[in-house]
Amino acid sequence: MPAALVEQTVQADLILSTRRCALLRVSLRYRAADPFAVRMGFPAEYSLDAETAAGPGAEVEWVFARQLLATGLDLPSGLGDVHVRPAHGRHTMVELRAADGVALLRFDERELRRFLRHSYLAVPEGDELLHVDADRALAQLLG
């Protein structure tokens, strides 16, 4: 039985300027119960929103389409708040846009591909609808 939850912690560079970056740990998560989405969790202390910066271990989570991440490894992709694109070397850039500002992160492309490979073992591409709980989704939508 494939895993219902795929989790992987990776390192990312938070680009602060053309000459400075901060190394941070990012939690990648994929849940078979939410088969179209991936989640990226970042330490809350890096949030621009002061209210979000809770205690130690707190995270800020961004949720976006698994397909966006997959496409962005090879081609610039994204609309709205999340953009993903290949970068020089074996890197992938993820740009997160919020009302408080923009965060630009550089990931090792191989780590993101490994995470996606495991997510496809949990729910193969094209089988997402087989894992959607329509009643739960409707309740969330109306809820």
C-alpha atoms as a PDB file:
ATOM      1  CA  MET A   1       0.000   0.000   0.000  1.00  0.00           C
ATOM      2  CA  PRO A   2       1.523   3.375  -1.009  1.00  0.00           C
ATOM      3  CA  ALA A   3       2.226   5.949   1.681  1.00  0.00           C
ATOM      4  CA  ALA A   4      -0.667   8.239   2.540  1.00  0.00           C
ATOM      5  CA  LEU A   5       1.801  10.943   3.576  1.00  0.00           C
ATOM      6  CA  VAL A   6       5.115  11.853   1.964  1.00  0.00           C
ATOM      7  CA  GLU A   7       7.405  14.122   3.997  1.00  0.00           C
ATOM      8  CA  GLN A   8      10.875  15.336   3.192  1.00  0.00           C
ATOM      9  CA  THR A   9      13.034  18.028   4.768  1.00  0.00           C
ATOM     10  CA  VAL A  10      15.352  19.906   2.423  1.00  0.00           C
ATOM     11  CA  GLN A  11      17.696  22.869   2.608  1.00  0.00           C
ATOM     12  CA  ALA A  12      16.890  26.043   0.708  1.00  0.00           C
ATOM     13  CA  ASP A  13      18.622  29.364   0.283  1.00  0.00           C
ATOM     14  CA  LEU A  14      16.407  32.337   1.089  1.00  0.00           C
ATOM     15  CA  ILE A  15      17.753  35.013  -1.236  1.00  0.00           C
ATOM     16  CA  LEU A  16      18.180  38.231   0.763  1.00  0.00           C
ATOM     17  CA  SER A  17      20.128  40.256  -1.817  1.00  0.00           C
ATOM     18  CA  THR A  18      22.439  39.696  -4.777  1.00  0.00           C
ATOM     19  CA  ARG A  19      25.228  38.813  -2.331  1.00  0.00           C
ATOM     20  CA  ARG A  20      23.451  37.396   0.704  1.00  0.00           C
ATOM     21  CA  CYS A  21      21.261  34.437   1.461  1.00  0.00           C
ATOM     22  CA  ALA A  22      20.084  32.567   4.540  1.00  0.00           C
ATOM     23  CA  LEU A  23      20.071  28.789   4.719  1.00  0.00           C
ATOM     24  CA  LEU A  24      16.821  27.354   6.033  1.00  0.00           C
ATOM     25  CA  ARG A  25      15.132  24.017   6.418  1.00  0.00           C
ATOM     26  CA  VAL A  26      11.958  23.508   4.424  1.00  0.00           C
ATOM     27  CA  SER A  27       9.439  20.742   5.084  1.00  0.00           C
ATOM     28  CA  LEU A  28       7.881  19.296   1.942  1.00  0.00           C
ATOM     29  CA  ARG A  29       4.639  17.370   2.419  1.00  0.00           C
ATOM     30  CA  TYR A  30       2.247  15.519   0.159  1.00  0.00           C
ATOM     31  CA  ARG A  31      -0.974  13.898   1.369  1.00  0.00           C
ATOM     32  CA  ALA A  32      -2.830  11.317  -0.668  1.00  0.00           C
ATOM     33  CA  ALA A  33      -6.046  12.688   0.871  1.00  0.00           C
ATOM     34  CA  ASP A  34      -5.319  16.055  -0.850  1.00  0.00           C
ATOM     35  CA  PRO A  35      -3.848  14.648  -4.067  1.00  0.00           C
ATOM     36  CA  PHE A  36      -3.539  17.812  -6.145  1.00  0.00           C
ATOM     37  CA  ALA A  37      -1.548  19.810  -3.577  1.00  0.00           C
ATOM     38  CA  VAL A  38       1.940  19.984  -2.138  1.00  0.00           C
ATOM     39  CA  ARG A  39       2.838  21.841   1.028  1.00  0.00           C
ATOM     40  CA  MET A  40       6.017  23.733   1.866  1.00  0.00           C
ATOM     41  CA  GLY A  41       6.573  24.566   5.515  1.00  0.00           C
ATOM     42  CA  PHE A  42       9.027  27.308   6.501  1.00  0.00           C
ATOM     43  CA  PRO A  43      10.269  28.389   9.932  1.00  0.00           C
ATOM     44  CA  ALA A  44       7.883  31.104  11.147  1.00  0.00           C
ATOM     45  CA  GLU A  45      10.747  33.420  12.106  1.00  0.00           C
ATOM     46  CA  TYR A  46      11.330  34.013   8.384  1.00  0.00           C
ATOM     47  CA  SER A  47       7.774  35.231   7.875  1.00  0.00           C
ATOM     48  CA  LEU A  48       7.249  38.891   7.022  1.00  0.00           C
ATOM     49  CA  ASP A  49       4.027  38.766   9.021  1.00  0.00           C
ATOM     50  CA  ALA A  50       4.960  39.492  12.668  1.00  0.00           C
ATOM     51  CA  GLU A  51       1.762  37.817  13.896  1.00  0.00           C
ATOM     52  CA  THR A  52       2.829  34.552  12.271  1.00  0.00           C
ATOM     53  CA  ALA A  53       6.206  34.466  14.033  1.00  0.00           C
ATOM     54  CA  ALA A  54       5.010  32.292  16.913  1.00  0.00           C
ATOM     55  CA  GLY A  55       7.226  30.204  19.196  1.00  0.00           C
ATOM     56  CA  PRO A  56      10.112  27.896  18.337  1.00  0.00           C
ATOM     57  CA  GLY A  57       9.277  25.194  15.839  1.00  0.00           C
ATOM     58  CA  ALA A  58       6.300  27.102  14.417  1.00  0.00           C
ATOM     59  CA  GLU A  59       5.894  26.955  10.651  1.00  0.00           C
ATOM     60  CA  VAL A  60       4.351  28.981   7.897  1.00  0.00           C
ATOM     61  CA  GLU A  61       2.843  26.653   5.301  1.00  0.00           C
ATOM     62  CA  TRP A  62       2.287  27.399   1.632  1.00  0.00           C
ATOM     63  CA  VAL A  63      -0.017  25.080  -0.321  1.00  0.00           C
ATOM     64  CA  PHE A  64       0.012  24.934  -4.107  1.00  0.00           C
ATOM     65  CA  ALA A  65      -0.514  22.533  -7.004  1.00  0.00           C
ATOM     66  CA  ARG A  66       1.756  19.511  -7.322  1.00  0.00           C
ATOM     67  CA  GLN A  67       1.618  20.036 -11.089  1.00  0.00           C
ATOM     68  CA  LEU A  68       2.990  23.578 -10.663  1.00  0.00           C
ATOM     69  CA  LEU A  69       6.039  22.216  -8.850  1.00  0.00           C
ATOM     70  CA  ALA A  70       6.538  19.457 -11.419  1.00  0.00           C
ATOM     71  CA  THR A  71       6.256  21.816 -14.399  1.00  0.00           C
ATOM     72  CA  GLY A  72       8.414  24.482 -12.761  1.00  0.00           C
ATOM     73  CA  LEU A  73      11.375  22.120 -12.589  1.00  0.00           C
ATOM     74  CA  ASP A  74      11.671  22.337 -16.380  1.00  0.00           C
ATOM     75  CA  LEU A  75       9.807  25.509 -17.435  1.00  0.00           C
ATOM     76  CA  PRO A  76       8.907  28.794 -15.732  1.00  0.00           C
ATOM     77  CA  SER A  77       5.446  28.239 -14.228  1.00  0.00           C
ATOM     78  CA  GLY A  78       2.955  29.879 -11.976  1.00  0.00           C
ATOM     79  CA  LEU A  79       0.196  32.401 -11.686  1.00  0.00           C
ATOM     80  CA  GLY A  80      -0.662  34.441  -8.660  1.00  0.00           C
ATOM     81  CA  ASP A  81       1.245  33.894  -5.427  1.00  0.00           C
ATOM     82  CA  VAL A  82       3.541  30.985  -6.341  1.00  0.00           C
ATOM     83  CA  HIS A  83       6.011  30.827  -9.213  1.00  0.00           C
ATOM     84  CA  VAL A  84       8.538  28.043  -9.876  1.00  0.00           C
ATOM     85  CA  ARG A  85      11.322  28.065 -12.454  1.00  0.00           C
ATOM     86  CA  PRO A  86      14.561  26.296 -13.290  1.00  0.00           C
ATOM     87  CA  ALA A  87      17.754  28.183 -12.417  1.00  0.00           C
ATOM     88  CA  HIS A  88      21.458  28.028 -13.236  1.00  0.00           C
ATOM     89  CA  GLY A  89      23.058  24.709 -12.432  1.00  0.00           C
ATOM     90  CA  ARG A  90      20.842  22.093 -10.834  1.00  0.00           C
ATOM     91  CA  HIS A  91      18.680  24.554  -8.952  1.00  0.00           C
ATOM     92  CA  THR A  92      15.031  25.517  -8.889  1.00  0.00           C
ATOM     93  CA  MET A  93      13.743  28.900  -7.784  1.00  0.00           C
ATOM     94  CA  VAL A  94      10.452  29.222  -5.902  1.00  0.00           C
ATOM     95  CA  GLU A  95       8.969  32.691  -5.561  1.00  0.00           C
ATOM     96  CA  LEU A  96       6.268  33.226  -2.955  1.00  0.00           C
ATOM     97  CA  ARG A  97       4.275  36.455  -3.121  1.00  0.00           C
ATOM     98  CA  ALA A  98       2.237  37.795  -0.221  1.00  0.00           C
ATOM     99  CA  ALA A  99       0.780  41.169   0.703  1.00  0.00           C
ATOM    100  CA  ASP A 100       3.774  41.742   3.007  1.00  0.00           C
ATOM    101  CA  GLY A 101       6.416  41.034   0.361  1.00  0.00           C
ATOM    102  CA  VAL A 102       8.100  38.449  -1.836  1.00  0.00           C
ATOM    103  CA  ALA A 103      10.331  35.552  -0.805  1.00  0.00           C
ATOM    104  CA  LEU A 104      12.715  33.991  -3.308  1.00  0.00           C
ATOM    105  CA  LEU A 105      14.086  30.552  -2.467  1.00  0.00           C
ATOM    106  CA  ARG A 106      16.672  28.419  -4.248  1.00  0.00           C
ATOM    107  CA  PHE A 107      16.374  24.637  -3.976  1.00  0.00           C
ATOM    108  CA  ASP A 108      18.492  21.759  -5.188  1.00  0.00           C
ATOM    109  CA  GLU A 109      16.462  20.500  -8.139  1.00  0.00           C
ATOM    110  CA  ARG A 110      17.352  16.875  -7.364  1.00  0.00           C
ATOM    111  CA  GLU A 111      15.767  17.109  -3.901  1.00  0.00           C
ATOM    112  CA  LEU A 112      12.514  18.446  -5.367  1.00  0.00           C
ATOM    113  CA  ARG A 113      12.486  15.725  -8.027  1.00  0.00           C
ATOM    114  CA  ARG A 114      13.029  13.084  -5.334  1.00  0.00           C
ATOM    115  CA  PHE A 115      10.100  14.463  -3.339  1.00  0.00           C
ATOM    116  CA  LEU A 116       7.868  14.443  -6.433  1.00  0.00           C
ATOM    117  CA  ARG A 117       8.912  10.886  -7.283  1.00  0.00           C
ATOM    118  CA  HIS A 118       7.767   9.761  -3.830  1.00  0.00           C
ATOM    119  CA  SER A 119       4.511  11.693  -4.203  1.00  0.00           C
ATOM    120  CA  TYR A 120       3.852   9.886  -7.498  1.00  0.00           C
ATOM    121  CA  LEU A 121       4.380   6.569  -5.730  1.00  0.00           C
ATOM    122  CA  ALA A 122       1.671   7.601  -3.250  1.00  0.00           C
ATOM    123  CA  VAL A 123      -0.697   8.861  -5.977  1.00  0.00           C
ATOM    124  CA  PRO A 124       0.326   8.411  -9.616  1.00  0.00           C
ATOM    125  CA  GLU A 125      -0.114  11.368 -11.924  1.00  0.00           C
ATOM    126  CA  GLY A 126      -3.580  11.115 -13.454  1.00  0.00           C
ATOM    127  CA  ASP A 127      -5.010   9.104 -10.537  1.00  0.00           C
ATOM    128  CA  GLU A 128      -5.654  12.104  -8.272  1.00  0.00           C
ATOM    129  CA  LEU A 129      -9.433  12.009  -8.704  1.00  0.00           C
ATOM    130  CA  LEU A 130      -9.475   8.434  -7.402  1.00  0.00           C
ATOM    131  CA  HIS A 131      -8.212   9.782  -4.061  1.00  0.00           C
ATOM    132  CA  VAL A 132     -10.543  12.746  -3.664  1.00  0.00           C
ATOM    133  CA  ASP A 133     -13.164  12.366  -0.953  1.00  0.00           C
ATOM    134  CA  ALA A 134     -16.013  14.251  -2.656  1.00  0.00           C
ATOM    135  CA  ASP A 135     -18.105  14.524   0.513  1.00  0.00           C
ATOM    136  CA  ARG A 136     -15.216  15.982   2.514  1.00  0.00           C
ATOM    137  CA  ALA A 137     -14.273  18.353  -0.301  1.00  0.00           C
ATOM    138  CA  LEU A 138     -17.855  19.592  -0.560  1.00  0.00           C
ATOM    139  CA  ALA A 139     -18.086  20.039   3.217  1.00  0.00           C
ATOM    140  CA  GLN A 140     -14.866  22.105   3.180  1.00  0.00           C
ATOM    141  CA  LEU A 141     -16.135  24.182   0.311  1.00  0.00           C
ATOM    142  CA  LEU A 142     -19.466  24.901   2.009  1.00  0.00           C
ATOM    143  CA  GLY A 143     -18.050  24.926   5.502  1.00  0.00           C
END
